[in-house]
Amino acid sequence: MNFNADDSRYMARAIQLARRGWFTTRTNPRVGCLLVKDNIVIGQGWHEKAGLPHAEINAIFDAHQQNHEVEGATAYVTLEPCSHHGKTPPCAEALVQAGVRKVICSMLDPNPKVSGRGVSILEKANIEVQSGLMESEARALNSGFIKRMTTGLPRVVAKTAVSLDGRTAMASGESQWITGPEARKQVQTLRAEAGAILTGSGTVLSDNPAMNVRDSRYLQNQHFVQPLRVVIDSGQRVNPTAKILNLDGDCWLVNSRRSTNDFPGNVRQKHVNTVKDRIDLKALLTELGKEGINDVLVEAGGELLGGFLSSGLVDELVVFMAPKLMGSDARAMAELPLVKMSEAMNLELRDVRQVGQDLKLTYRVD
């Protein structure tokens, strides 16, 4: 496809619009839409939250609010307009009814059951359709959604805080606080953009963490909801009074059989099969995918983090490294019983930056 400089400029604006829904779309993709007529932007919109109007509908509404006629306009959309009836009507049909002349989308819908159907609806209405403009940028908006649509599994980001000698807790289990306040503020961002935050019973028992979003930057958004909190408790050791179970937002308590404890009403006991007496982590991620979770943040101790890494289930590893030495008796970052150099896990460093006195290292996990 041949695109000009104006096309790229308008699509870049649509991508910026899509980012406004970064912390709120959750189960749905982040999408932005720009309506342009006679080289004038007449309407813009983005998807804010599942169940609310999609980006194209909001852009059409915005144009009408400004007394612009949409007929004959070009729509720049970061994702192929949807073709199915869900909580909202199909956006492809809405664009047809609005009378747009042309639609340029960055990428097709990654759902193999849907991909291309939105384009088909538009083309049958004699609307010119082009795709592929700034596709890599558009894919970066929705890496979790794309993975879930194509594999059934959510994208997994594992976060850990370590000392300079790679330790996450003292031998006693004490781990608060390794890193400084600036790093902890960035962890709030990682939580806010996740659909689910996952930890293990060992972390709950040793630290009694909240594992929720407390930063007012996100809480003040009327569309923001707390991520699902997931606690793996195969040994049924977590007490119903644990902080993580008694805060705003839904929780899963994951085990292989139902506990007789009386848990708060927001807690759902989720039963997942075990492998060698441990919860099948891939099966758990599959269940989260079925729930519509696109992105999972794992904040766990060395045993559970090691389980995710050794199972090849982590897409990105974020390490906050503090300028501390915790000693040889302290606990390692991840339990990985490797004995040969050939077994070493290779990571690709994607980003490094200083956060206060700490380092934030972001790795892609092969």
Protein backbone atom coordinates (compact mmCIF):
# COMPACT_ATOMS: atom_id res chain seq x y z
CA MET A 1 0.00 0.00 0.00
CA ASN A 2 1.16 3.52 -0.74
CA PHE A 3 0.69 5.97 2.10
CA ASN A 4 1.69 9.63 2.13
CA ALA A 5 3.06 11.86 4.88
CA ASP A 6 -0.42 13.10 5.82
CA ASP A 7 -1.63 9.52 6.23
CA SER A 8 1.23 8.79 8.63
CA ARG A 9 0.60 11.99 10.55
CA TYR A 10 -3.09 11.24 11.01
CA MET A 11 -2.45 7.63 11.99
CA ALA A 12 0.15 8.75 14.53
CA ARG A 13 -2.57 10.89 16.12
CA ALA A 14 -4.94 7.92 16.14
CA ILE A 15 -2.30 5.86 17.95
CA GLN A 16 -1.90 8.65 20.51
CA LEU A 17 -5.66 8.59 21.02
CA ALA A 18 -5.60 4.83 21.56
CA ARG A 19 -3.04 5.23 24.33
CA ARG A 20 -5.56 7.24 26.35
CA GLY A 21 -7.32 3.97 27.11
CA TRP A 22 -4.10 2.26 28.20
CA PHE A 23 -5.17 1.64 31.79
CA THR A 24 -8.90 1.16 31.29
CA THR A 25 -9.73 -0.95 28.22
CA ARG A 26 -8.49 -4.13 29.94
CA THR A 27 -10.34 -7.02 28.21
CA ASN A 28 -10.72 -5.07 24.96
CA PRO A 29 -8.00 -3.74 22.65
CA ARG A 30 -6.77 -0.15 22.82
CA VAL A 31 -8.05 1.58 19.70
CA GLY A 32 -8.01 5.14 18.39
CA CYS A 33 -9.86 6.68 15.45
CA LEU A 34 -9.46 9.95 13.58
CA LEU A 35 -11.95 11.25 10.98
CA VAL A 36 -10.48 13.55 8.33
CA LYS A 37 -12.28 15.44 5.56
CA ASP A 38 -10.68 17.91 3.15
CA ASN A 39 -7.47 17.69 5.22
CA ILE A 40 -9.33 18.80 8.34
CA VAL A 41 -9.79 16.62 11.41
CA ILE A 42 -13.55 16.57 11.98
CA GLY A 43 -13.78 13.97 14.74
CA GLN A 44 -11.70 11.84 17.04
CA GLY A 45 -12.30 9.08 19.56
CA TRP A 46 -10.77 6.21 21.48
CA HIS A 47 -12.03 3.16 23.28
CA GLU A 48 -12.18 3.84 27.01
CA LYS A 49 -13.58 0.69 28.60
CA ALA A 50 -15.22 -2.61 27.70
CA GLY A 51 -18.95 -2.10 27.34
CA LEU A 52 -18.61 1.55 26.32
CA PRO A 53 -18.66 2.77 22.69
CA HIS A 54 -15.68 1.88 20.53
CA ALA A 55 -13.26 4.41 19.05
CA GLU A 56 -15.07 4.71 15.71
CA ILE A 57 -18.43 5.38 17.37
CA ASN A 58 -16.88 8.04 19.60
CA ALA A 59 -15.20 9.70 16.62
CA ILE A 60 -18.47 9.84 14.67
CA PHE A 61 -20.25 11.25 17.71
CA ASP A 62 -17.49 13.84 18.16
CA ALA A 63 -17.85 14.95 14.55
CA HIS A 64 -21.61 15.31 14.89
CA GLN A 65 -21.17 17.28 18.12
CA GLN A 66 -19.05 19.75 16.16
CA ASN A 67 -21.68 19.91 13.38
CA HIS A 68 -19.43 18.19 10.85
CA GLU A 69 -20.82 15.96 8.12
CA VAL A 70 -19.01 12.60 8.21
CA GLU A 71 -20.09 11.53 4.73
CA GLY A 72 -17.07 11.46 2.42
CA ALA A 73 -14.52 11.45 5.25
CA THR A 74 -11.52 9.15 5.69
CA ALA A 75 -11.31 7.17 8.92
CA TYR A 76 -7.87 6.40 10.35
CA VAL A 77 -8.24 3.49 12.78
CA THR A 78 -5.49 1.65 14.66
CA LEU A 79 -7.33 -1.70 14.40
CA GLU A 80 -9.67 -3.19 11.83
CA PRO A 81 -13.23 -2.05 12.66
CA CYS A 82 -15.12 -4.81 14.46
CA SER A 83 -17.71 -6.85 12.59
CA HIS A 84 -19.62 -8.62 15.35
CA HIS A 85 -22.36 -7.76 17.79
CA GLY A 86 -21.02 -7.77 21.35
CA LYS A 87 -21.76 -5.29 24.09
CA THR A 88 -21.79 -2.67 21.32
CA PRO A 89 -22.87 -2.87 17.64
CA PRO A 90 -20.30 -3.47 14.86
CA CYS A 91 -18.12 -0.46 14.11
CA ALA A 92 -17.76 -1.46 10.46
CA GLU A 93 -21.51 -1.07 10.00
CA ALA A 94 -21.45 2.27 11.83
CA LEU A 95 -18.82 3.59 9.42
CA VAL A 96 -20.92 2.39 6.47
CA GLN A 97 -24.00 4.14 7.84
CA ALA A 98 -22.00 7.32 8.45
CA GLY A 99 -20.99 7.38 4.80
CA VAL A 100 -17.22 7.42 5.10
CA ARG A 101 -15.37 7.26 1.78
CA LYS A 102 -12.22 5.47 2.90
CA VAL A 103 -10.87 3.56 5.89
CA ILE A 104 -7.17 3.18 6.66
CA CYS A 105 -6.41 0.77 9.48
CA SER A 106 -3.04 -0.10 10.94
CA MET A 107 -3.70 -3.81 11.32
CA LEU A 108 -6.33 -6.49 10.89
CA ASP A 109 -8.10 -7.96 13.90
CA PRO A 110 -5.75 -10.64 15.33
CA ASN A 111 -8.67 -12.93 16.17
CA PRO A 112 -8.50 -15.56 13.38
CA LYS A 113 -12.27 -16.02 13.64
CA VAL A 114 -12.87 -12.34 12.94
CA SER A 115 -9.89 -11.08 10.94
CA GLY A 116 -10.93 -9.58 7.62
CA ARG A 117 -14.66 -9.55 8.26
CA GLY A 118 -14.72 -5.88 9.13
CA VAL A 119 -12.84 -5.10 5.93
CA SER A 120 -15.32 -7.25 3.98
CA ILE A 121 -18.30 -5.28 5.33
CA LEU A 122 -16.66 -2.02 4.32
CA GLU A 123 -15.64 -3.18 0.86
CA LYS A 124 -19.10 -4.56 0.14
CA ALA A 125 -20.38 -1.03 0.79
CA ASN A 126 -17.88 0.28 -1.81
CA ILE A 127 -15.66 1.86 0.84
CA GLU A 128 -11.97 1.86 -0.03
CA VAL A 129 -9.93 0.06 2.61
CA GLN A 130 -6.17 0.09 3.16
CA SER A 131 -4.24 -1.56 5.99
CA GLY A 132 -0.69 -1.84 7.28
CA LEU A 133 0.07 1.81 8.04
CA MET A 134 2.26 2.02 11.18
CA GLU A 135 1.40 -1.58 11.98
CA SER A 136 4.31 -2.17 14.35
CA GLU A 137 3.26 0.83 16.47
CA ALA A 138 -0.32 -0.39 16.48
CA ARG A 139 0.71 -3.90 17.52
CA ALA A 140 2.68 -2.42 20.43
CA LEU A 141 -0.59 -0.98 21.75
CA ASN A 142 -2.09 -4.42 22.19
CA SER A 143 0.62 -7.06 22.59
CA GLY A 144 -1.38 -8.81 25.31
CA PHE A 145 -4.63 -8.76 23.33
CA ILE A 146 -2.84 -10.06 20.24
CA LYS A 147 -1.25 -12.92 22.18
CA ARG A 148 -4.56 -13.90 23.77
CA MET A 149 -6.38 -13.82 20.44
CA THR A 150 -3.77 -15.98 18.71
CA THR A 151 -2.75 -18.40 21.49
CA GLY A 152 -5.45 -18.24 24.15
CA LEU A 153 -2.85 -17.15 26.70
CA PRO A 154 -2.36 -13.66 28.16
CA ARG A 155 0.93 -11.85 27.95
CA VAL A 156 2.96 -12.36 31.14
CA VAL A 157 5.23 -9.74 32.66
CA ALA A 158 7.19 -10.87 35.70
CA LYS A 159 8.41 -8.16 38.04
CA THR A 160 10.96 -8.61 40.78
CA ALA A 161 13.09 -6.43 43.06
CA VAL A 162 16.62 -7.58 43.78
CA SER A 163 19.78 -6.45 45.50
CA LEU A 164 23.00 -5.92 43.59
CA ASP A 165 23.94 -9.52 44.42
CA GLY A 166 20.66 -10.83 43.01
CA ARG A 167 18.77 -11.47 46.25
CA THR A 168 15.07 -10.82 46.83
CA ALA A 169 14.65 -11.53 50.55
CA MET A 170 16.63 -12.29 53.65
CA ALA A 171 16.79 -15.90 54.79
CA SER A 172 13.96 -15.14 57.22
CA GLY A 173 11.74 -14.09 54.31
CA GLU A 174 11.94 -10.38 55.08
CA SER A 175 11.84 -8.41 51.82
CA GLN A 176 10.25 -4.99 52.41
CA TRP A 177 11.63 -2.69 51.16
CA ILE A 178 14.50 -3.54 48.82
CA THR A 179 13.98 -0.70 46.37
CA GLY A 180 13.23 2.98 46.86
CA PRO A 181 9.98 4.95 46.51
CA GLU A 182 10.60 5.90 42.89
CA ALA A 183 10.81 2.24 41.86
CA ARG A 184 7.71 1.39 43.87
CA LYS A 185 5.86 4.15 42.03
CA GLN A 186 6.76 2.51 38.74
CA VAL A 187 5.45 -0.80 40.06
CA GLN A 188 2.11 0.95 40.51
CA THR A 189 2.16 1.67 36.78
CA LEU A 190 2.91 -1.97 35.98
CA ARG A 191 -0.04 -2.99 38.12
CA ALA A 192 -2.37 -0.39 36.65
CA GLU A 193 -1.79 -1.61 33.10
CA ALA A 194 -2.30 -5.29 33.98
CA GLY A 195 -5.58 -7.13 33.83
CA ALA A 196 -4.48 -9.45 36.63
CA ILE A 197 -1.78 -9.44 39.31
CA LEU A 198 -0.59 -12.89 40.32
CA THR A 199 1.30 -14.03 43.38
CA GLY A 200 1.76 -17.07 45.58
CA SER A 201 0.74 -18.01 49.09
CA GLY A 202 4.34 -17.75 50.30
CA THR A 203 4.46 -14.05 49.48
CA VAL A 204 1.06 -13.49 51.10
CA LEU A 205 2.12 -15.29 54.29
CA SER A 206 5.50 -13.56 54.61
CA ASP A 207 4.60 -9.99 53.56
CA ASN A 208 0.77 -9.74 53.73
CA PRO A 209 0.85 -7.48 50.64
CA ALA A 210 -2.07 -5.52 49.18
CA MET A 211 -1.08 -6.11 45.54
CA ASN A 212 -3.48 -3.39 44.38
CA VAL A 213 -3.20 -0.02 42.68
CA ARG A 214 -3.04 2.87 45.13
CA ASP A 215 -1.62 5.65 42.94
CA SER A 216 -4.09 8.53 42.55
CA ARG A 217 -2.92 9.01 38.94
CA TYR A 218 -4.98 5.96 38.05
CA LEU A 219 -7.66 5.93 40.75
CA GLN A 220 -8.95 9.36 39.70
CA ASN A 221 -9.92 7.98 36.27
CA GLN A 222 -13.64 7.19 36.45
CA HIS A 223 -13.18 4.16 34.17
CA PHE A 224 -10.35 2.58 36.14
CA VAL A 225 -11.04 -0.67 37.98
CA GLN A 226 -8.66 -2.63 40.15
CA PRO A 227 -6.92 -5.52 38.36
CA LEU A 228 -8.00 -9.03 39.27
CA ARG A 229 -5.79 -10.30 42.10
CA VAL A 230 -4.80 -13.96 41.79
CA VAL A 231 -3.28 -15.95 44.64
CA ILE A 232 -1.98 -19.46 44.05
CA ASP A 233 -2.68 -21.36 47.27
CA SER A 234 -2.33 -25.06 46.47
CA GLY A 235 -1.61 -25.82 50.13
CA GLN A 236 -4.65 -23.82 51.32
CA ARG A 237 -2.55 -21.78 53.72
CA VAL A 238 -3.94 -18.30 53.07
CA ASN A 239 -6.09 -16.90 55.85
CA PRO A 240 -9.41 -15.25 54.91
CA THR A 241 -8.23 -12.12 56.75
CA ALA A 242 -5.23 -11.62 54.41
CA LYS A 243 -5.06 -8.04 53.14
CA ILE A 244 -4.95 -9.08 49.49
CA LEU A 245 -8.40 -10.69 49.83
CA ASN A 246 -10.06 -7.84 51.65
CA LEU A 247 -9.60 -4.85 49.38
CA ASP A 248 -11.65 -3.36 46.55
CA GLY A 249 -11.65 -5.52 43.42
CA ASP A 250 -12.12 -9.17 42.52
CA CYS A 251 -9.80 -11.97 43.64
CA TRP A 252 -9.13 -15.55 42.63
CA LEU A 253 -7.87 -18.01 45.19
CA VAL A 254 -6.38 -20.80 43.10
CA ASN A 255 -6.21 -24.35 44.44
CA SER A 256 -6.89 -27.91 43.36
CA ARG A 257 -9.82 -28.48 45.69
CA ARG A 258 -12.35 -26.29 47.44
CA SER A 259 -11.44 -24.82 50.82
CA THR A 260 -14.02 -24.82 53.60
CA ASN A 261 -12.85 -21.42 54.87
CA ASP A 262 -15.28 -18.53 54.73
CA PHE A 263 -13.70 -16.01 52.35
CA PRO A 264 -14.93 -12.47 51.55
CA GLY A 265 -17.61 -12.14 48.87
CA ASN A 266 -15.20 -10.75 46.27
CA VAL A 267 -13.06 -13.90 46.44
CA ARG A 268 -13.70 -16.69 43.97
CA GLN A 269 -12.11 -20.06 44.56
CA LYS A 270 -10.71 -21.26 41.24
CA HIS A 271 -9.83 -24.92 40.86
CA VAL A 272 -6.95 -25.78 38.52
CA ASN A 273 -5.31 -29.15 37.98
CA THR A 274 -1.92 -29.85 39.46
CA VAL A 275 1.30 -31.21 37.98
CA LYS A 276 3.58 -32.94 40.49
CA ASP A 277 1.49 -31.45 43.33
CA ARG A 278 1.83 -27.92 41.96
CA ILE A 279 -0.75 -25.82 40.16
CA ASP A 280 -0.48 -26.19 36.39
CA LEU A 281 0.60 -22.64 35.54
CA LYS A 282 -0.22 -22.89 31.83
CA ALA A 283 -3.70 -24.18 32.68
CA LEU A 284 -4.15 -21.24 35.04
CA LEU A 285 -3.10 -18.78 32.33
CA THR A 286 -5.54 -20.46 29.96
CA GLU A 287 -8.34 -19.85 32.47
CA LEU A 288 -7.30 -16.21 32.76
CA GLY A 289 -7.35 -15.94 28.98
CA LYS A 290 -10.88 -17.33 28.90
CA GLU A 291 -11.80 -14.62 31.41
CA GLY A 292 -10.63 -11.99 28.90
CA ILE A 293 -7.39 -11.12 30.68
CA ASN A 294 -4.86 -9.76 28.19
CA ASP A 295 -1.94 -8.95 30.51
CA VAL A 296 -0.80 -10.67 33.70
CA LEU A 297 1.74 -9.20 36.10
CA VAL A 298 3.53 -11.80 38.21
CA GLU A 299 4.85 -10.51 41.54
CA ALA A 300 6.05 -13.57 43.37
CA GLY A 301 8.85 -15.19 45.32
CA GLY A 302 11.66 -17.23 43.88
CA GLU A 303 9.82 -20.54 43.75
CA LEU A 304 6.81 -19.32 41.77
CA LEU A 305 8.87 -16.97 39.58
CA GLY A 306 11.20 -19.86 38.82
CA GLY A 307 8.19 -22.00 37.91
CA PHE A 308 6.95 -19.44 35.40
CA LEU A 309 10.41 -18.93 33.90
CA SER A 310 11.28 -22.62 33.62
CA SER A 311 7.89 -23.31 32.01
CA GLY A 312 8.56 -20.73 29.31
CA LEU A 313 5.50 -18.70 30.27
CA VAL A 314 7.12 -15.29 30.82
CA ASP A 315 7.21 -12.80 27.94
CA GLU A 316 8.96 -9.94 29.74
CA LEU A 317 11.01 -9.75 32.92
CA VAL A 318 11.27 -6.42 34.74
CA VAL A 319 14.01 -6.30 37.37
CA PHE A 320 14.39 -3.39 39.79
CA MET A 321 17.93 -3.60 41.13
CA ALA A 322 18.77 -1.78 44.34
CA PRO A 323 22.26 -0.66 45.42
CA LYS A 324 22.26 -3.10 48.33
CA LEU A 325 24.19 -6.24 49.21
CA MET A 326 22.03 -8.75 51.07
CA GLY A 327 24.54 -11.56 51.48
CA SER A 328 24.92 -15.17 50.46
CA ASP A 329 22.30 -16.48 52.91
CA ALA A 330 19.56 -14.32 51.38
CA ARG A 331 17.07 -15.83 48.93
CA ALA A 332 17.78 -15.96 45.21
CA MET A 333 15.64 -14.15 42.66
CA ALA A 334 14.30 -17.36 41.10
CA GLU A 335 14.59 -21.04 41.86
CA LEU A 336 16.02 -22.48 38.66
CA PRO A 337 17.80 -25.78 39.31
CA LEU A 338 20.24 -25.46 36.43
CA VAL A 339 23.59 -27.26 36.57
CA LYS A 340 25.21 -26.69 33.18
CA MET A 341 26.08 -23.49 31.34
CA SER A 342 24.26 -24.91 28.33
CA GLU A 343 21.06 -24.83 30.41
CA ALA A 344 21.40 -21.13 31.21
CA MET A 345 18.39 -19.03 30.27
CA ASN A 346 19.20 -16.31 27.77
CA LEU A 347 17.47 -12.93 28.05
CA GLU A 348 17.44 -9.97 25.69
CA LEU A 349 17.92 -6.59 27.36
CA ARG A 350 15.31 -4.25 25.89
CA ASP A 351 15.59 -1.24 28.19
CA VAL A 352 17.67 0.05 31.09
CA ARG A 353 17.15 3.23 33.07
CA GLN A 354 17.87 4.71 36.46
CA VAL A 355 14.88 5.08 38.78
CA GLY A 356 15.90 7.05 41.85
CA GLN A 357 18.86 5.12 43.27
CA ASP A 358 17.75 1.88 41.62
CA LEU A 359 18.07 0.44 38.11
CA LYS A 360 15.12 -0.76 36.09
CA LEU A 361 16.14 -3.54 33.68
CA THR A 362 13.59 -4.82 31.17
CA TYR A 363 14.29 -8.10 29.45
CA ARG A 364 12.57 -10.03 26.72
CA VAL A 365 12.44 -13.72 27.62
CA ASP A 366 13.02 -16.13 24.74
